[in-house]
Amino acid sequence: LDAFLNEDSNDIFIWGCGSLGQNLLQTLGDRSLRISGFLDNNKELHGKTISGKVVCDPSIINSESSKYKIIIAAQPIREQIMDYLETRGYTE
């Protein structure tokens, strides 16, 4: 995981801003990794700040922007998220 996260200066997003995502943010922050923000499907959260990070609409990801690193912290819908990311050029 460290090698993946540190391999270049890509923005890192956590998909899911619930308790798992917030705990992950704290853990990664403790390792001095710069997390750009959260991604979440809940439109009511878009633009809000949680744990000091803005929540973005996943539509910011497109096939030309596979420069982002995405960490999934939404286990109940992990497969749906993976399918979404694969259609935009991401691999596991």
Protein backbone atom coordinates (compact mmCIF):
# COMPACT_ATOMS: atom_id res chain seq x y z
CA LEU A 1 0.00 0.00 0.00
CA ASP A 2 2.80 2.41 0.88
CA ALA A 3 4.47 1.91 -2.51
CA PHE A 4 1.18 2.53 -4.33
CA LEU A 5 0.37 5.66 -2.38
CA ASN A 6 3.87 7.13 -2.56
CA GLU A 7 4.80 6.28 -6.16
CA ASP A 8 4.03 9.78 -7.49
CA SER A 9 2.20 12.98 -6.63
CA ASN A 10 -1.29 11.96 -7.74
CA ASP A 11 -4.22 13.17 -5.72
CA ILE A 12 -5.57 10.58 -3.29
CA PHE A 13 -9.31 10.36 -2.64
CA ILE A 14 -11.16 8.14 -0.18
CA TRP A 15 -14.45 6.86 -1.58
CA GLY A 16 -16.85 6.81 1.34
CA CYS A 17 -16.96 9.42 4.09
CA GLY A 18 -18.61 7.34 6.80
CA SER A 19 -16.82 6.13 9.89
CA LEU A 20 -14.58 3.74 7.92
CA GLY A 21 -13.51 6.53 5.55
CA GLN A 22 -12.89 8.95 8.38
CA ASN A 23 -10.81 6.39 10.29
CA LEU A 24 -8.83 5.69 7.13
CA LEU A 25 -8.25 9.42 6.66
CA GLN A 26 -6.81 9.67 10.16
CA THR A 27 -4.62 6.59 9.67
CA LEU A 28 -3.23 7.83 6.36
CA GLY A 29 -2.78 11.32 7.73
CA ASP A 30 -0.73 9.87 10.56
CA ARG A 31 1.56 8.49 7.84
CA SER A 32 1.96 11.98 6.35
CA LEU A 33 -0.02 11.20 3.19
CA ARG A 34 -1.93 14.10 1.70
CA ILE A 35 -5.54 13.12 1.10
CA SER A 36 -7.30 15.47 -1.33
CA GLY A 37 -10.82 14.67 -0.16
CA PHE A 38 -13.67 12.21 -0.12
CA LEU A 39 -15.85 10.86 -2.91
CA ASP A 40 -19.40 9.84 -2.06
CA ASN A 41 -22.57 8.95 -3.94
CA ASN A 42 -24.75 10.89 -1.48
CA LYS A 43 -25.54 14.14 -3.30
CA GLU A 44 -26.52 15.82 -0.02
CA LEU A 45 -22.89 15.55 1.13
CA HIS A 46 -21.28 17.00 -2.01
CA GLY A 47 -19.45 20.23 -1.22
CA LYS A 48 -19.59 19.68 2.53
CA THR A 49 -16.51 19.28 4.69
CA ILE A 50 -16.03 16.19 6.83
CA SER A 51 -12.96 15.76 9.02
CA GLY A 52 -11.44 18.76 7.26
CA LYS A 53 -11.83 17.32 3.73
CA VAL A 54 -14.35 18.25 1.07
CA VAL A 55 -16.80 15.62 -0.18
CA CYS A 56 -16.86 15.45 -3.99
CA ASP A 57 -19.21 13.93 -6.52
CA PRO A 58 -17.63 10.80 -8.03
CA SER A 59 -18.35 12.24 -11.47
CA ILE A 60 -15.08 14.20 -11.16
CA ILE A 61 -13.54 10.91 -12.26
CA ASN A 62 -13.55 10.32 -15.98
CA SER A 63 -11.49 8.28 -18.41
CA GLU A 64 -9.04 11.17 -18.92
CA SER A 65 -8.50 11.73 -15.20
CA SER A 66 -7.26 8.35 -14.08
CA LYS A 67 -4.48 10.30 -12.40
CA TYR A 68 -6.38 10.12 -9.11
CA LYS A 69 -5.70 7.38 -6.60
CA ILE A 70 -8.89 6.05 -5.09
CA ILE A 71 -9.13 4.10 -1.85
CA ILE A 72 -12.52 2.49 -1.32
CA ALA A 73 -13.88 2.78 2.21
CA ALA A 74 -17.46 1.78 1.44
CA GLN A 75 -17.58 -1.99 1.82
CA PRO A 76 -21.32 -2.56 1.24
CA ILE A 77 -21.08 -1.15 -2.31
CA ARG A 78 -17.44 -1.96 -3.06
CA GLU A 79 -18.26 -4.03 -6.16
CA GLN A 80 -20.44 -1.25 -7.62
CA ILE A 81 -17.65 1.25 -7.05
CA MET A 82 -15.10 -1.08 -8.64
CA ASP A 83 -17.35 -1.47 -11.71
CA TYR A 84 -17.72 2.31 -11.92
CA LEU A 85 -13.96 2.84 -11.70
CA GLU A 86 -13.20 0.13 -14.26
CA THR A 87 -15.42 1.89 -16.82
CA ARG A 88 -13.21 4.92 -16.29
CA GLY A 89 -9.91 3.15 -16.86
CA TYR A 90 -8.99 2.17 -13.32
CA THR A 91 -7.71 -1.24 -12.33
CA GLU A 92 -7.47 -2.83 -8.93
